[in-house]
Amino acid sequence: MINLEGKKALITGGSRGIGRATALLFARAGADVAINFLARKEAAEKVREEIGKIGRECLVFKADISMKEDINLMINKVIEKWSRIDILINNAGIWSYGEIGTMSDEVWAETMKINLDGVFYACNAVVPFMKKERRGWIISVSSTAAVRGEGFHSHYAASKGAVVSFTKSLAVELAPYNIRVNCVAPGWVDTDMCTEVFSNPDFRNEVQESIPLKRIPPPEDIAGPILFLASDLACHITGEVLNVNGGSVLCA
């Protein structure tokens, strides 16, 4: 039922994890996809290759999502190629350790630049083109940490909480232009971001047992809800935070 035939999507951080899974799923649904990478060129080119086999086009850009100039250049190149961006997925992000009282300014600033400023830069650059078309879909990847907080990762939780507030604000502001703005908030996901902590089998088991559905999802389980929000099935949903966490955080 979900058909993105003819749609043009930009997915930040699309070379691995949730971004990669989303890019492939969007292509299977009929969309052409643009992705960026920072260091993993080979992984990004692999995504391009896989999307090509599906029969869709994939544009690949090296861009630092925390740099306004990089984002603007990437978006302008996408517009030059496709003339529009129908769907923006703000997926790129980092997760690092930070104990309050000893956290450095650099650790705090890096997280905010990538997780929050990158979302702002991308939206600020893409929205004028969406307004011109009088339609668009913006979906940002937040986190359960935005809702419940996360000890020793307060900078990460703060950045993701800000993304939720930013999403709700844009949803109201952009509704007159038929631009829908939503969030997906994953809990634990089996991606490269968690490889180090999940290398401890005891911790991995502890996390798994803490999830009511008793499983740590692959990135494809997050890509599905993102696809839903980018589809006409979600045509009356905006300003929403879709929690995808196996029941770990139940929000009213």
Protein backbone atom coordinates (compact mmCIF):
# COMPACT_ATOMS: atom_id res chain seq x y z
CA MET A 1 0.00 0.00 0.00
CA ILE A 2 2.86 2.41 0.64
CA ASN A 3 4.00 3.87 -2.64
CA LEU A 4 6.70 6.57 -2.87
CA GLU A 5 6.96 6.29 -6.67
CA GLY A 6 8.53 9.45 -8.07
CA LYS A 7 9.40 10.93 -4.66
CA LYS A 8 12.85 12.38 -3.98
CA ALA A 9 14.24 11.82 -0.47
CA LEU A 10 17.31 13.13 1.35
CA ILE A 11 18.50 10.99 4.27
CA THR A 12 21.35 12.26 6.42
CA GLY A 13 23.73 9.67 7.79
CA GLY A 14 22.54 7.20 5.18
CA SER A 15 25.62 5.00 4.89
CA ARG A 16 24.87 2.75 7.86
CA GLY A 17 22.43 1.84 10.60
CA ILE A 18 18.97 3.37 10.58
CA GLY A 19 19.86 5.70 7.70
CA ARG A 20 20.97 2.85 5.46
CA ALA A 21 17.94 0.72 6.29
CA THR A 22 15.66 3.69 5.58
CA ALA A 23 17.36 4.47 2.26
CA LEU A 24 16.91 0.90 1.05
CA LEU A 25 13.30 0.71 2.21
CA PHE A 26 12.44 4.02 0.54
CA ALA A 27 14.00 2.77 -2.71
CA ARG A 28 11.93 -0.41 -2.55
CA ALA A 29 8.86 1.81 -2.12
CA GLY A 30 9.78 3.65 -5.33
CA ALA A 31 11.71 6.72 -4.16
CA ASP A 32 15.02 8.05 -5.41
CA VAL A 33 17.34 8.70 -2.49
CA ALA A 34 20.22 11.05 -1.67
CA ILE A 35 22.48 10.23 1.29
CA ASN A 36 25.54 11.74 2.89
CA PHE A 37 28.55 10.24 4.62
CA LEU A 38 31.47 11.73 6.51
CA ALA A 39 34.11 9.00 6.73
CA ARG A 40 32.56 5.77 5.41
CA LYS A 41 32.69 6.33 1.66
CA GLU A 42 32.85 2.61 0.88
CA ALA A 43 29.70 1.94 2.92
CA ALA A 44 27.90 4.83 1.22
CA GLU A 45 28.88 3.56 -2.23
CA LYS A 46 27.57 0.13 -1.25
CA VAL A 47 24.20 1.70 -0.47
CA ARG A 48 24.25 3.41 -3.87
CA GLU A 49 24.99 0.06 -5.50
CA GLU A 50 22.18 -1.73 -3.65
CA ILE A 51 19.68 1.00 -4.51
CA GLY A 52 20.78 0.84 -8.14
CA LYS A 53 19.96 -2.88 -8.17
CA ILE A 54 16.48 -2.04 -6.92
CA GLY A 55 16.10 0.20 -9.96
CA ARG A 56 16.18 3.58 -8.22
CA GLU A 57 18.72 6.40 -8.26
CA CYS A 58 20.97 7.16 -5.30
CA LEU A 59 23.04 10.33 -4.96
CA VAL A 60 25.98 10.16 -2.54
CA PHE A 61 27.66 13.18 -0.94
CA LYS A 62 30.50 13.65 1.51
CA ALA A 63 29.16 16.21 3.98
CA ASP A 64 29.71 17.07 7.63
CA ILE A 65 26.19 17.47 8.99
CA SER A 66 27.44 19.86 11.68
CA MET A 67 28.69 22.32 9.05
CA LYS A 68 26.15 24.69 7.51
CA GLU A 69 28.26 25.14 4.39
CA ASP A 70 28.44 21.38 3.77
CA ILE A 71 24.69 20.95 4.16
CA ASN A 72 23.84 23.90 1.92
CA LEU A 73 26.20 22.65 -0.78
CA MET A 74 24.74 19.14 -0.64
CA ILE A 75 21.14 20.36 -0.79
CA ASN A 76 21.88 22.71 -3.66
CA LYS A 77 23.42 19.84 -5.61
CA VAL A 78 20.37 17.67 -4.97
CA ILE A 79 18.10 20.48 -6.16
CA GLU A 80 20.25 20.97 -9.27
CA LYS A 81 19.85 17.28 -10.06
CA TRP A 82 16.23 16.67 -9.10
CA SER A 83 14.74 20.20 -8.84
CA ARG A 84 13.07 19.32 -5.53
CA ILE A 85 13.31 17.39 -2.26
CA ASP A 86 10.01 15.84 -1.23
CA ILE A 87 11.16 14.08 1.93
CA LEU A 88 13.88 15.03 4.43
CA ILE A 89 14.99 12.47 6.99
CA ASN A 90 17.21 13.96 9.71
CA ASN A 91 18.94 10.79 10.86
CA ALA A 92 22.64 11.61 11.38
CA GLY A 93 23.67 11.69 15.02
CA ILE A 94 26.21 10.67 17.63
CA TRP A 95 26.02 9.17 21.12
CA SER A 96 28.91 9.58 23.54
CA TYR A 97 29.64 9.29 27.25
CA GLY A 98 29.52 12.43 29.37
CA GLU A 99 29.44 12.62 33.17
CA ILE A 100 28.14 15.92 34.46
CA GLY A 101 30.78 17.73 36.48
CA THR A 102 33.60 16.44 34.31
CA MET A 103 32.10 16.67 30.81
CA SER A 104 34.21 18.89 28.56
CA ASP A 105 32.86 21.79 26.56
CA GLU A 106 34.07 20.00 23.45
CA VAL A 107 31.99 16.86 24.11
CA TRP A 108 28.87 18.94 24.78
CA ALA A 109 29.39 21.16 21.74
CA GLU A 110 30.10 18.27 19.35
CA THR A 111 26.86 16.54 20.31
CA MET A 112 24.81 19.71 19.91
CA LYS A 113 26.42 20.60 16.59
CA ILE A 114 25.66 17.21 15.04
CA ASN A 115 22.43 16.15 16.74
CA LEU A 116 20.68 19.53 16.89
CA ASP A 117 22.39 22.12 14.70
CA GLY A 118 22.55 19.61 11.83
CA VAL A 119 18.77 19.18 11.98
CA PHE A 120 18.27 22.95 11.98
CA TYR A 121 20.68 23.53 9.08
CA ALA A 122 19.03 20.83 6.96
CA CYS A 123 15.49 22.02 7.65
CA ASN A 124 16.41 25.67 7.15
CA ALA A 125 17.88 24.89 3.74
CA VAL A 126 15.20 22.45 2.52
CA VAL A 127 12.00 24.16 3.69
CA PRO A 128 12.09 27.03 1.12
CA PHE A 129 12.04 24.44 -1.67
CA MET A 130 9.21 22.52 0.01
CA LYS A 131 7.22 25.73 0.44
CA LYS A 132 7.59 26.39 -3.28
CA GLU A 133 6.09 22.96 -4.00
CA ARG A 134 3.53 23.49 -1.22
CA ARG A 135 4.14 20.02 0.17
CA GLY A 136 6.79 18.07 2.01
CA TRP A 137 7.60 15.53 4.67
CA ILE A 138 10.23 16.10 7.37
CA ILE A 139 11.00 13.27 9.77
CA SER A 140 13.72 13.52 12.41
CA VAL A 141 15.17 10.67 14.44
CA SER A 142 15.00 11.52 18.12
CA SER A 143 15.34 9.02 20.99
CA THR A 144 13.63 7.65 24.07
CA ALA A 145 16.33 9.60 25.91
CA ALA A 146 14.43 12.75 24.92
CA VAL A 147 11.50 11.57 27.04
CA ARG A 148 13.05 9.83 30.03
CA GLY A 149 16.56 11.34 30.12
CA GLU A 150 19.68 9.23 30.26
CA GLY A 151 22.28 9.30 33.02
CA PHE A 152 25.86 9.90 31.85
CA HIS A 153 24.47 10.92 28.46
CA SER A 154 22.68 14.12 29.44
CA HIS A 155 24.12 16.00 26.46
CA TYR A 156 22.66 13.40 24.09
CA ALA A 157 19.27 13.45 25.84
CA ALA A 158 19.22 17.25 25.76
CA SER A 159 19.97 17.34 22.04
CA LYS A 160 17.25 14.80 21.25
CA GLY A 161 14.75 16.57 23.51
CA ALA A 162 15.42 19.76 21.59
CA VAL A 163 14.76 17.92 18.31
CA VAL A 164 11.31 16.95 19.63
CA SER A 165 10.47 20.56 20.54
CA PHE A 166 11.83 21.78 17.21
CA THR A 167 9.67 19.22 15.40
CA LYS A 168 6.48 20.25 17.18
CA SER A 169 7.17 23.93 16.49
CA LEU A 170 7.82 23.37 12.78
CA ALA A 171 4.71 21.20 12.49
CA VAL A 172 2.52 24.17 13.41
CA GLU A 173 4.53 26.70 11.40
CA LEU A 174 4.63 24.65 8.21
CA ALA A 175 1.14 23.13 8.25
CA PRO A 176 -0.28 25.91 6.00
CA TYR A 177 2.18 24.77 3.31
CA ASN A 178 1.10 21.11 3.56
CA ILE A 179 4.48 20.21 5.04
CA ARG A 180 4.18 17.54 7.72
CA VAL A 181 6.87 17.36 10.39
CA ASN A 182 7.24 14.37 12.70
CA CYS A 183 9.72 12.41 14.82
CA VAL A 184 10.56 8.78 15.31
CA ALA A 185 12.03 8.07 18.74
CA PRO A 186 13.85 4.72 18.89
CA GLY A 187 15.01 3.00 22.04
CA TRP A 188 17.97 0.62 21.89
CA VAL A 189 18.77 -0.44 18.32
CA ASP A 190 21.35 -2.96 17.13
CA THR A 191 23.54 -0.55 15.13
CA ASP A 192 27.21 0.43 14.94
CA MET A 193 26.52 3.17 17.51
CA CYS A 194 25.93 0.46 20.12
CA THR A 195 28.59 -2.02 19.01
CA GLU A 196 30.98 -1.15 21.83
CA VAL A 197 28.47 -1.39 24.69
CA PHE A 198 26.84 -4.50 23.22
CA SER A 199 30.23 -6.22 23.02
CA ASN A 200 29.62 -7.02 26.69
CA PRO A 201 27.15 -9.95 26.48
CA ASP A 202 25.96 -9.40 30.04
CA PHE A 203 25.02 -5.80 29.29
CA ARG A 204 23.36 -6.77 26.03
CA ASN A 205 21.27 -9.37 27.85
CA GLU A 206 20.40 -6.82 30.55
CA VAL A 207 19.16 -4.38 27.92
CA GLN A 208 17.18 -7.07 26.14
CA GLU A 209 15.49 -8.19 29.35
CA SER A 210 14.56 -4.58 30.16
CA ILE A 211 12.52 -4.29 26.95
CA PRO A 212 8.94 -5.63 27.34
CA LEU A 213 9.08 -7.26 23.88
CA LYS A 214 12.40 -8.90 24.91
CA ARG A 215 14.31 -8.05 21.73
CA ILE A 216 16.80 -5.47 20.55
CA PRO A 217 15.54 -4.41 17.12
CA PRO A 218 17.59 -4.20 13.94
CA PRO A 219 17.60 -0.81 12.14
CA GLU A 220 14.97 -2.08 9.71
CA ASP A 221 12.46 -1.99 12.57
CA ILE A 222 12.95 1.77 12.80
CA ALA A 223 12.99 2.32 9.04
CA GLY A 224 9.44 0.95 8.75
CA PRO A 225 7.84 3.60 10.97
CA ILE A 226 9.85 6.30 9.19
CA LEU A 227 8.46 5.05 5.87
CA PHE A 228 4.94 5.12 7.31
CA LEU A 229 5.30 8.77 8.37
CA ALA A 230 6.60 9.66 4.90
CA SER A 231 3.59 8.03 3.22
CA ASP A 232 0.05 9.11 2.46
CA LEU A 233 -1.13 6.72 5.18
CA ALA A 234 0.09 9.38 7.64
CA CYS A 235 -1.53 12.31 5.81
CA HIS A 236 -3.24 13.63 8.96
CA ILE A 237 -0.27 13.20 11.30
CA THR A 238 2.01 16.12 12.11
CA GLY A 239 3.89 17.21 15.21
CA GLU A 240 3.89 13.62 16.44
CA VAL A 241 6.61 11.61 18.18
CA LEU A 242 6.32 7.95 17.23
CA ASN A 243 8.04 5.89 19.93
CA VAL A 244 9.60 2.68 18.62
CA ASN A 245 11.08 1.01 21.67
CA GLY A 246 9.34 -2.31 22.29
CA GLY A 247 7.39 -0.82 25.20
CA SER A 248 10.42 0.48 27.10
CA VAL A 249 8.96 3.98 27.45
CA LEU A 250 5.19 4.33 27.47
CA CYS A 251 4.09 7.90 26.86
CA ALA A 252 0.64 9.32 27.48
